[in-house]
Amino acid sequence: MRKLLLLLLSLMMFMISASATEFYHFHEDAYPGLYDRDLRISFDRVRMGSGAGVLLILDENGNMLGQRKVDGQAAYDSIKISITEDMPLGQTIRLVLEKNGERIDQDECLLAADAAKRDGLRLVKTDEKKIAITFDTACSLGKIPELLDTLDALNIKCTFFIQGDIMTNYREWVEEIHNRGHELANHSMHHPDMREMSNTAIYKEITKCNALIEEVTGQPVTLYRPPSGYYTYRDRAIGRALGSEMILWTFDSLDGFKDSSRDKVIKTMYRKSEPGAIILMHSYGTHTISVLNEYVPAMQAQGYDFVTVTELMPVGGVLDSQGVMQAP
């Protein structure tokens, strides 16, 4: 019996020793920063004890970005690093404890770097008569079945910015959108106001929605639209670090407003359309389908083609601070 107790005690001590390597965690899952500015990376002490030493932040190549001495007692602190233009848009950084000549990995997270003055894509500068019609979805199915049949009849392909809730509640219809040749893009998981979200919450909103879409398409998601068009540099930078360019719109068709008449929507579409335009429409609009049945043939008669956002964007396109992209 005594031997068994000693064995159990030894096992417990081994488990405690094995878990003793972690003292600190990053406070957020992602940290967005702007070029030529300093950024404070916050961290939490996971447990008290012998976590004294020097805490390092290392980039993906093992280069040190910042450091500070720690005594294993402070519950929360931060390390200042500099964001430089030679940093990649997104990289995994590591939190490492240096102690008695040994470096012990603690945690890792996403570091997103971006320019201070950068809008989302609003217009592609082109002489070709091409327009991208985009649809934002809501938490309900809306008119997606009828809308897909309409787009088939018009023989055009569009981009659908999918809210994660649609994926969880109506996955078969998201698969149908994809199977009919339309483009699926990220519109967040739950459609929050990103301006009010923490970095971790933004990261989860984007990554969870990406994962669901990628299950359907088998391809990385490359486009992200912030809910209601409300954004800050934080979700723009995190989205781009995850491989998704932020897409806004040249103009809102106004079809998503309950008090918008059909006449108002169609006049807005005709008046504001131009080569390279990105049009905001909605899968639940009262007059959306009726307007499309008039608008698309009329614009095709003028020589316009309707394409997805990715098809509209030139390869290697350069995006300026006003959200206008042109060929390199």
C-alpha atoms as a PDB file:
ATOM      1  CA  MET A   1       0.000   0.000   0.000  1.00  0.00           C
ATOM      2  CA  ARG A   2       2.847   2.340   0.932  1.00  0.00           C
ATOM      3  CA  LYS A   3       4.545   1.652  -2.399  1.00  0.00           C
ATOM      4  CA  LEU A   4       1.319   2.451  -4.232  1.00  0.00           C
ATOM      5  CA  LEU A   5       0.966   5.762  -2.386  1.00  0.00           C
ATOM      6  CA  LEU A   6       4.581   6.654  -3.183  1.00  0.00           C
ATOM      7  CA  LEU A   7       3.987   5.798  -6.819  1.00  0.00           C
ATOM      8  CA  LEU A   8       0.874   7.982  -6.959  1.00  0.00           C
ATOM      9  CA  LEU A   9       2.733  10.825  -5.245  1.00  0.00           C
ATOM     10  CA  SER A  10       5.583  10.538  -7.724  1.00  0.00           C
ATOM     11  CA  LEU A  11       3.116  10.590 -10.613  1.00  0.00           C
ATOM     12  CA  MET A  12       1.412  13.702  -9.233  1.00  0.00           C
ATOM     13  CA  MET A  13       4.764  15.447  -8.816  1.00  0.00           C
ATOM     14  CA  PHE A  14       5.672  14.535 -12.394  1.00  0.00           C
ATOM     15  CA  MET A  15       2.381  15.935 -13.699  1.00  0.00           C
ATOM     16  CA  ILE A  16       2.872  19.142 -11.722  1.00  0.00           C
ATOM     17  CA  SER A  17       6.402  19.438 -13.048  1.00  0.00           C
ATOM     18  CA  ALA A  18       5.224  18.852 -16.629  1.00  0.00           C
ATOM     19  CA  SER A  19       2.552  21.526 -16.340  1.00  0.00           C
ATOM     20  CA  ALA A  20       4.993  23.931 -14.717  1.00  0.00           C
ATOM     21  CA  THR A  21       6.336  24.983 -18.080  1.00  0.00           C
ATOM     22  CA  GLU A  22       3.399  27.351 -18.662  1.00  0.00           C
ATOM     23  CA  PHE A  23       3.288  30.534 -16.649  1.00  0.00           C
ATOM     24  CA  TYR A  24       2.022  33.140 -19.131  1.00  0.00           C
ATOM     25  CA  HIS A  25      -0.541  33.469 -21.915  1.00  0.00           C
ATOM     26  CA  PHE A  26      -1.230  36.189 -24.442  1.00  0.00           C
ATOM     27  CA  HIS A  27      -4.274  38.155 -23.321  1.00  0.00           C
ATOM     28  CA  GLU A  28      -5.772  38.140 -26.849  1.00  0.00           C
ATOM     29  CA  ASP A  29      -5.887  35.612 -29.704  1.00  0.00           C
ATOM     30  CA  ALA A  30      -4.811  38.331 -32.154  1.00  0.00           C
ATOM     31  CA  TYR A  31      -3.122  41.739 -32.017  1.00  0.00           C
ATOM     32  CA  PRO A  32      -3.555  44.239 -34.871  1.00  0.00           C
ATOM     33  CA  GLY A  33      -0.960  46.963 -35.299  1.00  0.00           C
ATOM     34  CA  LEU A  34      -0.281  49.805 -37.704  1.00  0.00           C
ATOM     35  CA  TYR A  35       2.951  50.356 -39.620  1.00  0.00           C
ATOM     36  CA  ASP A  36       5.509  52.669 -38.004  1.00  0.00           C
ATOM     37  CA  ARG A  37       3.732  52.607 -34.655  1.00  0.00           C
ATOM     38  CA  ASP A  38       4.383  50.888 -31.347  1.00  0.00           C
ATOM     39  CA  LEU A  39       2.001  48.237 -30.082  1.00  0.00           C
ATOM     40  CA  ARG A  40       1.623  46.895 -26.566  1.00  0.00           C
ATOM     41  CA  ILE A  41       1.128  43.135 -26.443  1.00  0.00           C
ATOM     42  CA  SER A  42      -0.666  42.218 -23.224  1.00  0.00           C
ATOM     43  CA  PHE A  43      -0.159  38.954 -21.370  1.00  0.00           C
ATOM     44  CA  ASP A  44      -1.642  37.233 -18.318  1.00  0.00           C
ATOM     45  CA  ARG A  45       0.062  35.168 -15.657  1.00  0.00           C
ATOM     46  CA  VAL A  46      -1.504  31.718 -15.793  1.00  0.00           C
ATOM     47  CA  ARG A  47      -0.312  30.725 -12.333  1.00  0.00           C
ATOM     48  CA  MET A  48       1.949  31.979  -9.594  1.00  0.00           C
ATOM     49  CA  GLY A  49       5.202  30.333  -8.708  1.00  0.00           C
ATOM     50  CA  SER A  50       8.653  30.270 -10.153  1.00  0.00           C
ATOM     51  CA  GLY A  51       7.814  32.010 -13.421  1.00  0.00           C
ATOM     52  CA  ALA A  52      10.522  34.606 -12.917  1.00  0.00           C
ATOM     53  CA  GLY A  53      12.898  35.459 -15.725  1.00  0.00           C
ATOM     54  CA  VAL A  54      12.691  37.379 -18.984  1.00  0.00           C
ATOM     55  CA  LEU A  55       9.552  37.140 -21.107  1.00  0.00           C
ATOM     56  CA  LEU A  56      10.251  37.402 -24.837  1.00  0.00           C
ATOM     57  CA  ILE A  57       8.060  37.923 -27.875  1.00  0.00           C
ATOM     58  CA  LEU A  58       9.549  36.233 -30.949  1.00  0.00           C
ATOM     59  CA  ASP A  59       8.414  36.541 -34.563  1.00  0.00           C
ATOM     60  CA  GLU A  60       7.898  33.544 -36.853  1.00  0.00           C
ATOM     61  CA  ASN A  61      11.616  33.531 -37.719  1.00  0.00           C
ATOM     62  CA  GLY A  62      12.693  33.520 -34.087  1.00  0.00           C
ATOM     63  CA  ASN A  63      13.710  37.189 -34.034  1.00  0.00           C
ATOM     64  CA  MET A  64      12.989  39.055 -30.815  1.00  0.00           C
ATOM     65  CA  LEU A  65      10.352  41.781 -31.087  1.00  0.00           C
ATOM     66  CA  GLY A  66      10.263  42.783 -27.418  1.00  0.00           C
ATOM     67  CA  GLN A  67      11.016  41.650 -23.869  1.00  0.00           C
ATOM     68  CA  ARG A  68      10.557  42.425 -20.205  1.00  0.00           C
ATOM     69  CA  LYS A  69      11.601  41.011 -16.861  1.00  0.00           C
ATOM     70  CA  VAL A  70       8.919  39.138 -14.920  1.00  0.00           C
ATOM     71  CA  ASP A  71       8.872  37.910 -11.345  1.00  0.00           C
ATOM     72  CA  GLY A  72       6.109  35.314 -11.570  1.00  0.00           C
ATOM     73  CA  GLN A  73       3.819  37.441  -9.422  1.00  0.00           C
ATOM     74  CA  ALA A  74       2.213  40.136 -11.591  1.00  0.00           C
ATOM     75  CA  ALA A  75      -1.192  38.994 -12.863  1.00  0.00           C
ATOM     76  CA  TYR A  76      -1.223  41.185 -15.984  1.00  0.00           C
ATOM     77  CA  ASP A  77       1.286  43.239 -17.941  1.00  0.00           C
ATOM     78  CA  SER A  78       2.417  44.046 -21.472  1.00  0.00           C
ATOM     79  CA  ILE A  79       5.435  44.194 -23.763  1.00  0.00           C
ATOM     80  CA  LYS A  80       5.955  46.978 -26.289  1.00  0.00           C
ATOM     81  CA  ILE A  81       6.926  46.058 -29.846  1.00  0.00           C
ATOM     82  CA  SER A  82       7.288  48.094 -33.041  1.00  0.00           C
ATOM     83  CA  ILE A  83       5.226  47.406 -36.178  1.00  0.00           C
ATOM     84  CA  THR A  84       7.312  47.909 -39.307  1.00  0.00           C
ATOM     85  CA  GLU A  85       6.365  47.878 -42.985  1.00  0.00           C
ATOM     86  CA  ASP A  86       8.594  44.897 -43.688  1.00  0.00           C
ATOM     87  CA  MET A  87       6.436  42.697 -41.476  1.00  0.00           C
ATOM     88  CA  PRO A  88       4.069  40.276 -43.216  1.00  0.00           C
ATOM     89  CA  LEU A  89       0.340  41.064 -43.090  1.00  0.00           C
ATOM     90  CA  GLY A  90      -0.095  38.186 -40.696  1.00  0.00           C
ATOM     91  CA  GLN A  91       2.261  35.985 -38.720  1.00  0.00           C
ATOM     92  CA  THR A  92       2.252  33.777 -35.638  1.00  0.00           C
ATOM     93  CA  ILE A  93       4.264  35.235 -32.777  1.00  0.00           C
ATOM     94  CA  ARG A  94       5.437  33.321 -29.712  1.00  0.00           C
ATOM     95  CA  LEU A  95       5.603  34.172 -26.033  1.00  0.00           C
ATOM     96  CA  VAL A  96       8.730  32.605 -24.531  1.00  0.00           C
ATOM     97  CA  LEU A  97      10.059  32.578 -20.974  1.00  0.00           C
ATOM     98  CA  GLU A  98      13.851  32.765 -20.741  1.00  0.00           C
ATOM     99  CA  LYS A  99      15.003  31.349 -17.425  1.00  0.00           C
ATOM    100  CA  ASN A 100      18.390  30.026 -16.256  1.00  0.00           C
ATOM    101  CA  GLY A 101      19.674  29.994 -19.828  1.00  0.00           C
ATOM    102  CA  GLU A 102      16.677  27.992 -21.082  1.00  0.00           C
ATOM    103  CA  ARG A 103      13.833  29.207 -23.279  1.00  0.00           C
ATOM    104  CA  ILE A 104      10.411  27.760 -22.468  1.00  0.00           C
ATOM    105  CA  ASP A 105       7.521  28.244 -24.916  1.00  0.00           C
ATOM    106  CA  GLN A 106       4.446  29.784 -23.271  1.00  0.00           C
ATOM    107  CA  ASP A 107       1.858  30.696 -25.898  1.00  0.00           C
ATOM    108  CA  GLU A 108       1.325  31.914 -29.474  1.00  0.00           C
ATOM    109  CA  CYS A 109      -1.118  34.230 -31.264  1.00  0.00           C
ATOM    110  CA  LEU A 110      -1.698  36.129 -34.509  1.00  0.00           C
ATOM    111  CA  LEU A 111       0.052  39.445 -35.163  1.00  0.00           C
ATOM    112  CA  ALA A 112      -1.666  41.466 -37.910  1.00  0.00           C
ATOM    113  CA  ALA A 113       0.164  44.416 -39.466  1.00  0.00           C
ATOM    114  CA  ASP A 114      -1.491  46.997 -41.711  1.00  0.00           C
ATOM    115  CA  ALA A 115      -1.224  50.534 -43.039  1.00  0.00           C
ATOM    116  CA  ALA A 116      -2.928  53.328 -41.115  1.00  0.00           C
ATOM    117  CA  LYS A 117      -4.764  54.859 -44.076  1.00  0.00           C
ATOM    118  CA  ARG A 118      -6.441  51.993 -45.883  1.00  0.00           C
ATOM    119  CA  ASP A 119     -10.094  51.658 -46.787  1.00  0.00           C
ATOM    120  CA  GLY A 120     -11.794  48.461 -47.883  1.00  0.00           C
ATOM    121  CA  LEU A 121     -12.257  47.841 -51.602  1.00  0.00           C
ATOM    122  CA  ARG A 122     -15.005  50.078 -52.969  1.00  0.00           C
ATOM    123  CA  LEU A 123     -14.322  50.326 -56.702  1.00  0.00           C
ATOM    124  CA  VAL A 124     -12.105  48.736 -59.335  1.00  0.00           C
ATOM    125  CA  LYS A 125     -10.690  51.221 -61.813  1.00  0.00           C
ATOM    126  CA  THR A 126     -11.231  49.686 -65.231  1.00  0.00           C
ATOM    127  CA  ASP A 127     -12.330  50.545 -68.738  1.00  0.00           C
ATOM    128  CA  GLU A 128     -14.136  47.220 -69.039  1.00  0.00           C
ATOM    129  CA  LYS A 129     -17.874  47.266 -68.509  1.00  0.00           C
ATOM    130  CA  LYS A 130     -17.915  44.875 -65.575  1.00  0.00           C
ATOM    131  CA  ILE A 131     -19.969  45.117 -62.385  1.00  0.00           C
ATOM    132  CA  ALA A 132     -20.043  42.899 -59.298  1.00  0.00           C
ATOM    133  CA  ILE A 133     -23.416  42.480 -57.583  1.00  0.00           C
ATOM    134  CA  THR A 134     -22.998  41.351 -53.977  1.00  0.00           C
ATOM    135  CA  PHE A 135     -25.590  40.058 -51.522  1.00  0.00           C
ATOM    136  CA  ASP A 136     -25.380  40.344 -47.758  1.00  0.00           C
ATOM    137  CA  THR A 137     -27.279  37.652 -45.888  1.00  0.00           C
ATOM    138  CA  ALA A 138     -29.070  37.864 -42.548  1.00  0.00           C
ATOM    139  CA  CYS A 139     -29.698  35.252 -39.862  1.00  0.00           C
ATOM    140  CA  SER A 140     -32.697  33.887 -41.786  1.00  0.00           C
ATOM    141  CA  LEU A 141     -33.016  32.246 -45.194  1.00  0.00           C
ATOM    142  CA  GLY A 142     -34.748  35.274 -46.668  1.00  0.00           C
ATOM    143  CA  LYS A 143     -35.412  34.902 -50.396  1.00  0.00           C
ATOM    144  CA  ILE A 144     -32.317  32.878 -51.238  1.00  0.00           C
ATOM    145  CA  PRO A 145     -34.208  30.058 -53.068  1.00  0.00           C
ATOM    146  CA  GLU A 146     -36.075  32.499 -55.341  1.00  0.00           C
ATOM    147  CA  LEU A 147     -32.994  34.660 -55.728  1.00  0.00           C
ATOM    148  CA  LEU A 148     -30.870  31.741 -56.949  1.00  0.00           C
ATOM    149  CA  ASP A 149     -33.491  30.816 -59.551  1.00  0.00           C
ATOM    150  CA  THR A 150     -33.568  34.439 -60.706  1.00  0.00           C
ATOM    151  CA  LEU A 151     -29.778  34.602 -61.075  1.00  0.00           C
ATOM    152  CA  ASP A 152     -29.856  31.343 -63.031  1.00  0.00           C
ATOM    153  CA  ALA A 153     -32.484  32.756 -65.385  1.00  0.00           C
ATOM    154  CA  LEU A 154     -30.401  35.928 -65.846  1.00  0.00           C
ATOM    155  CA  ASN A 155     -27.276  33.797 -66.334  1.00  0.00           C
ATOM    156  CA  ILE A 156     -25.073  35.847 -64.006  1.00  0.00           C
ATOM    157  CA  LYS A 157     -22.768  34.958 -61.110  1.00  0.00           C
ATOM    158  CA  CYS A 158     -22.540  37.031 -57.939  1.00  0.00           C
ATOM    159  CA  THR A 159     -20.789  37.147 -54.557  1.00  0.00           C
ATOM    160  CA  PHE A 160     -22.693  36.220 -51.388  1.00  0.00           C
ATOM    161  CA  PHE A 161     -21.328  37.508 -48.089  1.00  0.00           C
ATOM    162  CA  ILE A 162     -22.454  34.761 -45.756  1.00  0.00           C
ATOM    163  CA  GLN A 163     -23.241  35.238 -42.092  1.00  0.00           C
ATOM    164  CA  GLY A 164     -22.183  32.253 -39.988  1.00  0.00           C
ATOM    165  CA  ASP A 165     -25.678  31.778 -38.593  1.00  0.00           C
ATOM    166  CA  ILE A 166     -26.871  30.995 -42.115  1.00  0.00           C
ATOM    167  CA  MET A 167     -24.258  28.268 -42.296  1.00  0.00           C
ATOM    168  CA  THR A 168     -25.421  26.628 -39.099  1.00  0.00           C
ATOM    169  CA  ASN A 169     -29.162  26.903 -39.804  1.00  0.00           C
ATOM    170  CA  TYR A 170     -29.378  26.584 -43.588  1.00  0.00           C
ATOM    171  CA  ARG A 171     -26.180  24.877 -44.662  1.00  0.00           C
ATOM    172  CA  GLU A 172     -27.878  23.086 -47.544  1.00  0.00           C
ATOM    173  CA  TRP A 173     -28.753  26.448 -49.115  1.00  0.00           C
ATOM    174  CA  VAL A 174     -25.218  27.754 -48.698  1.00  0.00           C
ATOM    175  CA  GLU A 175     -24.057  24.610 -50.478  1.00  0.00           C
ATOM    176  CA  GLU A 176     -26.624  25.357 -53.180  1.00  0.00           C
ATOM    177  CA  ILE A 177     -25.245  28.891 -53.630  1.00  0.00           C
ATOM    178  CA  HIS A 178     -21.791  27.411 -54.112  1.00  0.00           C
ATOM    179  CA  ASN A 179     -22.978  24.588 -56.375  1.00  0.00           C
ATOM    180  CA  ARG A 180     -24.654  27.092 -58.689  1.00  0.00           C
ATOM    181  CA  GLY A 181     -21.340  28.819 -59.278  1.00  0.00           C
ATOM    182  CA  HIS A 182     -21.598  31.850 -57.011  1.00  0.00           C
ATOM    183  CA  GLU A 183     -18.827  33.091 -54.741  1.00  0.00           C
ATOM    184  CA  LEU A 184     -19.015  32.675 -50.964  1.00  0.00           C
ATOM    185  CA  ALA A 185     -17.386  35.298 -48.734  1.00  0.00           C
ATOM    186  CA  ASN A 186     -17.154  36.095 -45.012  1.00  0.00           C
ATOM    187  CA  HIS A 187     -19.724  38.344 -43.322  1.00  0.00           C
ATOM    188  CA  SER A 188     -18.776  37.399 -39.724  1.00  0.00           C
ATOM    189  CA  MET A 189     -20.258  34.678 -37.552  1.00  0.00           C
ATOM    190  CA  HIS A 190     -23.020  36.589 -35.744  1.00  0.00           C
ATOM    191  CA  HIS A 191     -23.127  40.029 -37.429  1.00  0.00           C
ATOM    192  CA  PRO A 192     -21.929  42.150 -34.462  1.00  0.00           C
ATOM    193  CA  ASP A 193     -20.731  45.736 -34.533  1.00  0.00           C
ATOM    194  CA  MET A 194     -17.014  45.080 -34.931  1.00  0.00           C
ATOM    195  CA  ARG A 195     -16.163  48.483 -33.491  1.00  0.00           C
ATOM    196  CA  GLU A 196     -17.340  47.259 -30.100  1.00  0.00           C
ATOM    197  CA  MET A 197     -15.615  43.872 -30.145  1.00  0.00           C
ATOM    198  CA  SER A 198     -12.353  42.819 -28.492  1.00  0.00           C
ATOM    199  CA  ASN A 199      -9.493  41.603 -30.667  1.00  0.00           C
ATOM    200  CA  THR A 200     -10.182  38.018 -29.619  1.00  0.00           C
ATOM    201  CA  ALA A 201     -13.890  38.349 -30.406  1.00  0.00           C
ATOM    202  CA  ILE A 202     -13.093  39.797 -33.855  1.00  0.00           C
ATOM    203  CA  TYR A 203     -10.643  36.965 -34.508  1.00  0.00           C
ATOM    204  CA  LYS A 204     -13.247  34.346 -33.571  1.00  0.00           C
ATOM    205  CA  GLU A 205     -16.010  36.027 -35.605  1.00  0.00           C
ATOM    206  CA  ILE A 206     -13.856  35.865 -38.725  1.00  0.00           C
ATOM    207  CA  THR A 207     -12.138  32.507 -38.231  1.00  0.00           C
ATOM    208  CA  LYS A 208     -15.303  30.616 -37.267  1.00  0.00           C
ATOM    209  CA  CYS A 209     -17.167  31.906 -40.315  1.00  0.00           C
ATOM    210  CA  ASN A 210     -14.157  31.137 -42.529  1.00  0.00           C
ATOM    211  CA  ALA A 211     -14.047  27.568 -41.260  1.00  0.00           C
ATOM    212  CA  LEU A 212     -17.713  26.946 -42.062  1.00  0.00           C
ATOM    213  CA  ILE A 213     -17.426  28.375 -45.573  1.00  0.00           C
ATOM    214  CA  GLU A 214     -14.239  26.407 -46.254  1.00  0.00           C
ATOM    215  CA  GLU A 215     -16.073  23.201 -45.311  1.00  0.00           C
ATOM    216  CA  VAL A 216     -18.388  23.885 -48.257  1.00  0.00           C
ATOM    217  CA  THR A 217     -15.934  25.232 -50.834  1.00  0.00           C
ATOM    218  CA  GLY A 218     -12.753  23.390 -49.899  1.00  0.00           C
ATOM    219  CA  GLN A 219     -10.906  26.654 -50.584  1.00  0.00           C
ATOM    220  CA  PRO A 220      -9.536  29.457 -48.371  1.00  0.00           C
ATOM    221  CA  VAL A 221     -11.866  32.433 -47.915  1.00  0.00           C
ATOM    222  CA  THR A 222     -10.349  35.524 -49.537  1.00  0.00           C
ATOM    223  CA  LEU A 223     -13.037  38.184 -49.032  1.00  0.00           C
ATOM    224  CA  TYR A 224     -14.453  39.710 -45.833  1.00  0.00           C
ATOM    225  CA  ARG A 225     -17.176  42.310 -45.412  1.00  0.00           C
ATOM    226  CA  PRO A 226     -17.707  43.883 -41.980  1.00  0.00           C
ATOM    227  CA  PRO A 227     -21.281  43.733 -40.664  1.00  0.00           C
ATOM    228  CA  SER A 228     -23.241  46.837 -41.696  1.00  0.00           C
ATOM    229  CA  GLY A 229     -19.983  48.235 -43.111  1.00  0.00           C
ATOM    230  CA  TYR A 230     -18.848  49.294 -39.628  1.00  0.00           C
ATOM    231  CA  TYR A 231     -15.176  48.556 -39.130  1.00  0.00           C
ATOM    232  CA  THR A 232     -11.913  49.765 -37.605  1.00  0.00           C
ATOM    233  CA  TYR A 233      -8.294  49.099 -38.488  1.00  0.00           C
ATOM    234  CA  ARG A 234      -8.494  46.143 -36.083  1.00  0.00           C
ATOM    235  CA  ASP A 235     -10.896  43.878 -37.977  1.00  0.00           C
ATOM    236  CA  ARG A 236      -9.519  45.121 -41.297  1.00  0.00           C
ATOM    237  CA  ALA A 237      -5.993  44.120 -40.238  1.00  0.00           C
ATOM    238  CA  ILE A 238      -7.037  40.804 -38.682  1.00  0.00           C
ATOM    239  CA  GLY A 239      -9.133  39.897 -41.725  1.00  0.00           C
ATOM    240  CA  ARG A 240      -6.276  40.679 -44.116  1.00  0.00           C
ATOM    241  CA  ALA A 241      -3.811  38.793 -41.906  1.00  0.00           C
ATOM    242  CA  LEU A 242      -6.084  35.770 -42.301  1.00  0.00           C
ATOM    243  CA  GLY A 243      -5.982  36.147 -46.080  1.00  0.00           C
ATOM    244  CA  SER A 244      -9.213  38.046 -46.697  1.00  0.00           C
ATOM    245  CA  GLU A 245      -9.306  41.473 -48.341  1.00  0.00           C
ATOM    246  CA  MET A 246     -11.941  43.796 -46.874  1.00  0.00           C
ATOM    247  CA  ILE A 247     -14.727  44.440 -49.386  1.00  0.00           C
ATOM    248  CA  LEU A 248     -17.116  47.369 -49.028  1.00  0.00           C
ATOM    249  CA  TRP A 249     -19.196  48.751 -51.909  1.00  0.00           C
ATOM    250  CA  THR A 250     -19.341  51.489 -54.525  1.00  0.00           C
ATOM    251  CA  PHE A 251     -22.953  52.161 -53.602  1.00  0.00           C
ATOM    252  CA  ASP A 252     -25.834  50.699 -51.633  1.00  0.00           C
ATOM    253  CA  SER A 253     -28.837  49.809 -53.786  1.00  0.00           C
ATOM    254  CA  LEU A 254     -31.049  50.590 -50.738  1.00  0.00           C
ATOM    255  CA  ASP A 255     -32.974  47.337 -51.282  1.00  0.00           C
ATOM    256  CA  GLY A 256     -32.410  46.312 -47.666  1.00  0.00           C
ATOM    257  CA  PHE A 257     -34.512  49.137 -46.225  1.00  0.00           C
ATOM    258  CA  LYS A 258     -38.193  48.371 -45.626  1.00  0.00           C
ATOM    259  CA  ASP A 259     -39.260  51.891 -46.593  1.00  0.00           C
ATOM    260  CA  SER A 260     -37.396  51.845 -49.935  1.00  0.00           C
ATOM    261  CA  SER A 261     -39.773  51.721 -52.870  1.00  0.00           C
ATOM    262  CA  ARG A 262     -39.013  49.700 -55.979  1.00  0.00           C
ATOM    263  CA  ASP A 263     -38.732  52.932 -57.945  1.00  0.00           C
ATOM    264  CA  LYS A 264     -36.141  54.295 -55.517  1.00  0.00           C
ATOM    265  CA  VAL A 265     -34.020  51.147 -55.697  1.00  0.00           C
ATOM    266  CA  ILE A 266     -34.018  50.861 -59.484  1.00  0.00           C
ATOM    267  CA  LYS A 267     -33.271  54.562 -59.981  1.00  0.00           C
ATOM    268  CA  THR A 268     -30.348  54.296 -57.540  1.00  0.00           C
ATOM    269  CA  MET A 269     -28.987  51.313 -59.477  1.00  0.00           C
ATOM    270  CA  TYR A 270     -29.187  53.037 -62.870  1.00  0.00           C
ATOM    271  CA  ARG A 271     -27.827  56.365 -61.657  1.00  0.00           C
ATOM    272  CA  LYS A 272     -24.794  55.057 -59.774  1.00  0.00           C
ATOM    273  CA  SER A 273     -23.663  52.133 -61.890  1.00  0.00           C
ATOM    274  CA  GLU A 274     -20.269  52.458 -63.568  1.00  0.00           C
ATOM    275  CA  PRO A 275     -17.477  50.166 -64.800  1.00  0.00           C
ATOM    276  CA  GLY A 276     -15.795  48.403 -61.873  1.00  0.00           C
ATOM    277  CA  ALA A 277     -18.655  49.071 -59.451  1.00  0.00           C
ATOM    278  CA  ILE A 278     -19.441  46.826 -56.492  1.00  0.00           C
ATOM    279  CA  ILE A 279     -23.149  46.956 -55.676  1.00  0.00           C
ATOM    280  CA  LEU A 280     -24.546  46.153 -52.233  1.00  0.00           C
ATOM    281  CA  MET A 281     -27.808  44.206 -52.275  1.00  0.00           C
ATOM    282  CA  HIS A 282     -29.477  41.881 -49.777  1.00  0.00           C
ATOM    283  CA  SER A 283     -30.861  38.362 -49.939  1.00  0.00           C
ATOM    284  CA  TYR A 284     -34.001  39.477 -48.097  1.00  0.00           C
ATOM    285  CA  GLY A 285     -34.842  42.743 -49.890  1.00  0.00           C
ATOM    286  CA  THR A 286     -38.518  43.356 -50.673  1.00  0.00           C
ATOM    287  CA  HIS A 287     -37.885  44.507 -54.251  1.00  0.00           C
ATOM    288  CA  THR A 288     -34.509  42.853 -54.908  1.00  0.00           C
ATOM    289  CA  ILE A 289     -35.690  40.141 -57.299  1.00  0.00           C
ATOM    290  CA  SER A 290     -38.043  42.414 -59.199  1.00  0.00           C
ATOM    291  CA  VAL A 291     -35.326  45.032 -59.622  1.00  0.00           C
ATOM    292  CA  LEU A 292     -32.777  42.491 -60.842  1.00  0.00           C
ATOM    293  CA  ASN A 293     -35.175  41.225 -63.509  1.00  0.00           C
ATOM    294  CA  GLU A 294     -35.323  44.732 -64.982  1.00  0.00           C
ATOM    295  CA  TYR A 295     -31.840  46.054 -64.213  1.00  0.00           C
ATOM    296  CA  VAL A 296     -29.622  43.202 -65.404  1.00  0.00           C
ATOM    297  CA  PRO A 297     -31.044  42.858 -68.965  1.00  0.00           C
ATOM    298  CA  ALA A 298     -31.075  46.643 -69.366  1.00  0.00           C
ATOM    299  CA  MET A 299     -27.391  46.928 -68.387  1.00  0.00           C
ATOM    300  CA  GLN A 300     -26.431  43.909 -70.498  1.00  0.00           C
ATOM    301  CA  ALA A 301     -28.000  45.695 -73.459  1.00  0.00           C
ATOM    302  CA  GLN A 302     -25.492  48.492 -72.791  1.00  0.00           C
ATOM    303  CA  GLY A 303     -22.609  46.000 -72.933  1.00  0.00           C
ATOM    304  CA  TYR A 304     -22.158  45.272 -69.209  1.00  0.00           C
ATOM    305  CA  ASP A 305     -21.102  41.904 -67.828  1.00  0.00           C
ATOM    306  CA  PHE A 306     -21.857  40.818 -64.261  1.00  0.00           C
ATOM    307  CA  VAL A 307     -19.053  39.006 -62.407  1.00  0.00           C
ATOM    308  CA  THR A 308     -17.999  37.988 -58.907  1.00  0.00           C
ATOM    309  CA  VAL A 309     -15.866  40.325 -56.811  1.00  0.00           C
ATOM    310  CA  THR A 310     -12.807  38.137 -57.288  1.00  0.00           C
ATOM    311  CA  GLU A 311     -13.316  38.163 -61.058  1.00  0.00           C
ATOM    312  CA  LEU A 312     -13.624  41.952 -60.946  1.00  0.00           C
ATOM    313  CA  MET A 313     -10.356  42.415 -59.034  1.00  0.00           C
ATOM    314  CA  PRO A 314      -7.241  42.544 -61.259  1.00  0.00           C
ATOM    315  CA  VAL A 315      -4.476  40.077 -60.415  1.00  0.00           C
ATOM    316  CA  GLY A 316      -1.962  41.866 -58.197  1.00  0.00           C
ATOM    317  CA  GLY A 317      -4.282  44.867 -58.010  1.00  0.00           C
ATOM    318  CA  VAL A 318      -3.131  47.840 -55.941  1.00  0.00           C
ATOM    319  CA  LEU A 319      -5.614  49.304 -53.451  1.00  0.00           C
ATOM    320  CA  ASP A 320      -5.267  52.991 -52.595  1.00  0.00           C
ATOM    321  CA  SER A 321      -6.302  54.741 -49.383  1.00  0.00           C
ATOM    322  CA  GLN A 322      -9.711  55.615 -50.848  1.00  0.00           C
ATOM    323  CA  GLY A 323     -10.609  52.011 -51.577  1.00  0.00           C
ATOM    324  CA  VAL A 324      -9.998  52.166 -55.343  1.00  0.00           C
ATOM    325  CA  MET A 325      -8.099  49.254 -56.882  1.00  0.00           C
ATOM    326  CA  GLN A 326      -6.320  49.279 -60.207  1.00  0.00           C
ATOM    327  CA  ALA A 327      -4.075  46.918 -62.100  1.00  0.00           C
ATOM    328  CA  PRO A 328      -0.390  47.014 -61.087  1.00  0.00           C
END
